[in-house]
Amino acid sequence: MSGFAAAAEAAAERLRTLFEPTPLSRNDHLSARLGADIWLKREDLSPVRSYKLRGAFNAISKVLARGGTRRFVCASAGNHAQGVAYVCRHFGVEGVIFMPVTTPQQKIGKTRMFGGGQVRIELVGDFFDATLAAAQAFCAREGAHFLSPFDDDDVIEGQASVAVEMLAQLGEPPDLVVLPVGGGGLSAGVRRYLSETAPDTMLRLVEPAGGASLAAALAAGARKTASAPR
């Protein structure tokens, strides 16, 4: 087994200290409608209702295992913020969560709840780019560890645990896996794991028409910022 596949499986095993594998449930309605055997990986049943917890846990646990900093920072208005907050509380480390000032109070409240007394929230910037810049400047100034929601090898490795669980639960490689793609952390991890453990499985990535950054990048052959919809 390759280094990445083994590392992803080790990450999945470490996650068991945090939560059990999320269910893989057959959807009878979609199966009948599409004439196929459709299974849904229920990441909405994780402790923070998304897969983002996986990457945050893997990245933070590996920093701590190396004896690194115990202060972690992220910029997020949603699931990544909640995942980081939950893991900071689990490990008893400090978290600083930068969010745009426009973030809904419900998301701020849930992030604060998941983090307990281990996190503080900084509301900075009307737009995410300003929030991100503030978070990264804080890390440079304070010596904290920045946790990207996707552009981080340890985060990608943690997200690959979705595929580790899926193959174990299904008992055989699926014909096709359909994934949403935004920043690319989940899709990068799942794609690499499947390419090494189930190379015949096809992968389809789906993104919103109004933010098709992956399609633009593939067409250009390089990273590409998607244009705002008109």
Protein backbone atom coordinates (compact mmCIF):
# COMPACT_ATOMS: atom_id res chain seq x y z
CA MET A 1 0.00 0.00 0.00
CA SER A 2 1.29 3.47 -0.87
CA GLY A 3 2.24 6.10 1.66
CA PHE A 4 -0.86 8.23 1.08
CA ALA A 5 -3.37 5.38 1.30
CA ALA A 6 -1.76 4.09 4.50
CA ALA A 7 -1.71 7.60 5.97
CA ALA A 8 -5.39 8.13 5.12
CA GLU A 9 -6.30 4.84 6.79
CA ALA A 10 -4.28 5.82 9.87
CA ALA A 11 -6.12 9.15 9.93
CA ALA A 12 -9.46 7.33 9.80
CA GLU A 13 -8.39 5.15 12.72
CA ARG A 14 -7.35 8.17 14.81
CA LEU A 15 -10.71 9.78 14.14
CA ARG A 16 -12.38 7.01 16.12
CA THR A 17 -11.34 8.87 19.28
CA LEU A 18 -13.66 11.66 18.11
CA PHE A 19 -16.63 9.96 16.42
CA GLU A 20 -17.71 6.70 14.82
CA PRO A 21 -17.80 6.33 11.02
CA THR A 22 -20.71 8.19 9.50
CA PRO A 23 -23.37 5.89 7.98
CA LEU A 24 -23.36 4.80 4.35
CA SER A 25 -27.07 4.52 3.58
CA ARG A 26 -28.78 3.14 0.49
CA ASN A 27 -31.30 5.60 -0.90
CA ASP A 28 -34.25 3.61 -2.22
CA HIS A 29 -35.91 6.58 -3.92
CA LEU A 30 -32.87 7.61 -5.95
CA SER A 31 -31.97 4.00 -6.69
CA ALA A 32 -35.43 3.34 -8.17
CA ARG A 33 -35.53 6.65 -10.01
CA LEU A 34 -32.11 6.24 -11.62
CA GLY A 35 -32.11 2.47 -12.06
CA ALA A 36 -28.90 2.13 -10.05
CA ASP A 37 -27.72 1.23 -6.57
CA ILE A 38 -27.31 4.66 -4.92
CA TRP A 39 -25.60 5.03 -1.55
CA LEU A 40 -25.20 8.28 0.40
CA LYS A 41 -22.31 8.95 2.79
CA ARG A 42 -24.06 10.78 5.61
CA GLU A 43 -21.50 13.41 6.59
CA ASP A 44 -24.40 15.50 7.86
CA LEU A 45 -24.43 13.09 10.82
CA SER A 46 -20.91 13.95 12.00
CA PRO A 47 -20.69 15.95 15.26
CA VAL A 48 -20.51 19.24 13.30
CA ARG A 49 -22.77 18.09 10.44
CA SER A 50 -20.04 18.15 7.79
CA TYR A 51 -16.84 16.37 6.75
CA LYS A 52 -14.70 19.42 7.60
CA LEU A 53 -14.11 18.01 11.07
CA ARG A 54 -11.95 15.27 9.57
CA GLY A 55 -9.30 17.48 8.02
CA ALA A 56 -9.16 19.80 11.02
CA PHE A 57 -8.66 16.86 13.38
CA ASN A 58 -5.94 15.27 11.27
CA ALA A 59 -4.01 18.51 10.82
CA ILE A 60 -4.18 19.59 14.46
CA SER A 61 -3.34 16.12 15.80
CA LYS A 62 -0.25 15.91 13.58
CA VAL A 63 0.99 19.36 14.64
CA LEU A 64 0.58 18.38 18.28
CA ALA A 65 2.32 15.04 17.73
CA ARG A 66 5.33 16.95 16.34
CA GLY A 67 5.41 19.08 19.47
CA GLY A 68 4.33 22.19 17.59
CA THR A 69 2.29 25.18 18.65
CA ARG A 70 -0.92 24.82 20.64
CA ARG A 71 -2.52 27.87 19.00
CA PHE A 72 -4.49 27.35 15.79
CA VAL A 73 -6.10 29.87 13.45
CA CYS A 74 -8.54 29.63 10.58
CA ALA A 75 -10.59 31.94 8.39
CA SER A 76 -14.08 30.63 7.70
CA ALA A 77 -17.73 31.61 7.90
CA GLY A 78 -19.09 28.09 8.15
CA ASN A 79 -18.24 24.40 8.36
CA HIS A 80 -14.46 24.70 8.56
CA ALA A 81 -14.75 27.14 11.47
CA GLN A 82 -17.03 24.75 13.33
CA GLY A 83 -14.75 21.78 12.68
CA VAL A 84 -11.66 23.64 13.90
CA ALA A 85 -13.53 24.87 16.98
CA TYR A 86 -14.71 21.35 17.86
CA VAL A 87 -11.21 19.89 17.54
CA CYS A 88 -9.65 22.71 19.57
CA ARG A 89 -12.05 21.89 22.40
CA HIS A 90 -11.28 18.17 22.06
CA PHE A 91 -7.53 18.72 22.42
CA GLY A 92 -7.75 21.60 24.87
CA VAL A 93 -5.79 23.96 22.60
CA GLU A 94 -6.39 27.59 21.71
CA GLY A 95 -8.32 28.42 18.56
CA VAL A 96 -8.75 31.84 16.95
CA ILE A 97 -11.51 31.85 14.35
CA PHE A 98 -11.59 34.77 11.92
CA MET A 99 -15.00 35.37 10.33
CA PRO A 100 -16.35 38.13 8.07
CA VAL A 101 -18.48 40.71 9.86
CA THR A 102 -21.36 39.63 7.61
CA THR A 103 -21.41 36.09 9.05
CA PRO A 104 -24.92 35.15 10.28
CA GLN A 105 -25.28 35.07 14.05
CA GLN A 106 -26.42 31.45 13.91
CA LYS A 107 -23.06 30.37 12.45
CA ILE A 108 -21.14 32.47 14.94
CA GLY A 109 -23.14 30.98 17.80
CA LYS A 110 -22.62 27.38 16.64
CA THR A 111 -18.89 27.92 16.23
CA ARG A 112 -18.67 29.39 19.72
CA MET A 113 -20.72 26.49 21.11
CA PHE A 114 -18.53 23.83 19.48
CA GLY A 115 -15.36 25.50 20.71
CA GLY A 116 -16.49 26.05 24.27
CA GLY A 117 -13.92 28.07 26.18
CA GLN A 118 -11.09 27.09 23.84
CA VAL A 119 -11.83 29.49 20.98
CA ARG A 120 -12.34 33.14 20.40
CA ILE A 121 -13.96 34.64 17.34
CA GLU A 122 -12.61 37.67 15.50
CA LEU A 123 -15.04 39.41 13.12
CA VAL A 124 -12.92 41.11 10.47
CA GLY A 125 -13.66 42.33 6.94
CA ASP A 126 -16.78 42.62 4.83
CA PHE A 127 -15.44 40.04 2.36
CA PHE A 128 -13.66 36.74 2.86
CA ASP A 129 -10.40 37.87 1.23
CA ALA A 130 -10.00 40.54 3.92
CA THR A 131 -10.81 37.99 6.63
CA LEU A 132 -8.24 35.56 5.24
CA ALA A 133 -5.55 38.25 5.07
CA ALA A 134 -6.22 39.21 8.70
CA ALA A 135 -5.98 35.58 9.84
CA GLN A 136 -2.70 35.01 8.03
CA ALA A 137 -1.24 38.27 9.33
CA PHE A 138 -2.18 37.19 12.88
CA CYS A 139 -0.36 33.86 12.39
CA ALA A 140 2.77 35.58 11.12
CA ARG A 141 2.74 38.00 14.04
CA GLU A 142 1.83 35.56 16.82
CA GLY A 143 3.50 32.35 15.63
CA ALA A 144 0.20 30.45 15.39
CA HIS A 145 -0.54 27.61 12.96
CA PHE A 146 -2.88 28.50 10.09
CA LEU A 147 -5.38 25.81 9.09
CA SER A 148 -6.51 26.09 5.49
CA PRO A 149 -9.87 24.45 4.76
CA PHE A 150 -8.37 22.72 1.72
CA ASP A 151 -4.87 23.87 0.69
CA ASP A 152 -3.05 21.74 3.30
CA ASP A 153 -1.63 18.23 2.88
CA ASP A 154 -2.74 17.12 6.36
CA VAL A 155 -6.26 18.46 5.81
CA ILE A 156 -6.49 16.64 2.46
CA GLU A 157 -5.26 13.44 4.12
CA GLY A 158 -7.94 13.78 6.79
CA GLN A 159 -10.72 14.35 4.25
CA ALA A 160 -9.64 11.16 2.46
CA SER A 161 -10.95 9.25 5.49
CA VAL A 162 -14.40 9.65 3.92
CA ALA A 163 -13.28 7.28 1.16
CA VAL A 164 -11.57 4.93 3.63
CA GLU A 165 -14.83 4.47 5.50
CA MET A 166 -16.92 4.28 2.34
CA LEU A 167 -14.94 1.39 0.87
CA ALA A 168 -14.94 -0.50 4.17
CA GLN A 169 -18.70 -0.06 4.56
CA LEU A 170 -19.56 -0.93 0.98
CA GLY A 171 -17.33 -4.01 0.97
CA GLU A 172 -16.23 -3.50 -2.64
CA PRO A 173 -15.19 -0.59 -4.85
CA PRO A 174 -18.13 1.41 -6.23
CA ASP A 175 -18.55 1.94 -9.95
CA LEU A 176 -18.90 5.71 -9.55
CA VAL A 177 -18.37 8.29 -6.81
CA VAL A 178 -20.00 11.72 -7.14
CA LEU A 179 -18.55 14.51 -5.00
CA PRO A 180 -19.19 18.23 -4.56
CA VAL A 181 -16.12 20.40 -5.10
CA GLY A 182 -15.41 23.84 -3.70
CA GLY A 183 -11.86 24.46 -2.52
CA GLY A 184 -10.90 20.89 -3.43
CA GLY A 185 -9.79 19.39 -0.11
CA LEU A 186 -12.36 16.58 -0.12
CA SER A 187 -12.05 15.83 -3.82
CA ALA A 188 -8.23 15.81 -3.70
CA GLY A 189 -8.17 13.38 -0.80
CA VAL A 190 -10.85 11.04 -2.11
CA ARG A 191 -9.41 11.05 -5.63
CA ARG A 192 -5.93 10.15 -4.46
CA TYR A 193 -7.12 7.42 -2.12
CA LEU A 194 -9.37 5.85 -4.75
CA SER A 195 -6.67 6.07 -7.43
CA GLU A 196 -4.46 3.89 -5.25
CA THR A 197 -7.01 1.49 -3.74
CA ALA A 198 -9.84 1.38 -6.31
CA PRO A 199 -8.37 2.57 -9.63
CA ASP A 200 -11.35 1.36 -11.68
CA THR A 201 -13.82 3.54 -9.76
CA MET A 202 -14.93 6.56 -11.79
CA LEU A 203 -15.09 9.96 -10.11
CA ARG A 204 -17.41 12.83 -11.00
CA LEU A 205 -17.01 16.26 -9.39
CA VAL A 206 -19.91 18.71 -9.24
CA GLU A 207 -19.65 22.45 -8.60
CA PRO A 208 -22.12 25.35 -8.82
CA ALA A 209 -22.49 27.02 -12.21
CA GLY A 210 -21.99 30.40 -10.54
CA GLY A 211 -18.63 29.37 -9.06
CA ALA A 212 -17.10 26.87 -11.46
CA SER A 213 -13.49 27.48 -10.46
CA LEU A 214 -12.39 23.86 -11.05
CA ALA A 215 -13.82 23.80 -14.56
CA ALA A 216 -12.03 27.10 -15.29
CA ALA A 217 -8.74 25.79 -13.87
CA LEU A 218 -8.92 22.56 -15.88
CA ALA A 219 -9.67 24.52 -19.06
CA ALA A 220 -6.74 26.86 -18.41
CA GLY A 221 -4.37 24.14 -17.23
CA ALA A 222 -3.54 26.19 -14.13
CA ARG A 223 -5.15 27.67 -11.05
CA LYS A 224 -7.89 30.06 -12.03
CA THR A 225 -10.11 32.41 -10.05
CA ALA A 226 -13.69 32.08 -11.22
CA SER A 227 -15.36 35.24 -12.45
CA ALA A 228 -18.34 36.48 -10.49
CA PRO A 229 -21.66 35.61 -12.17
CA ARG A 230 -23.23 38.44 -14.14
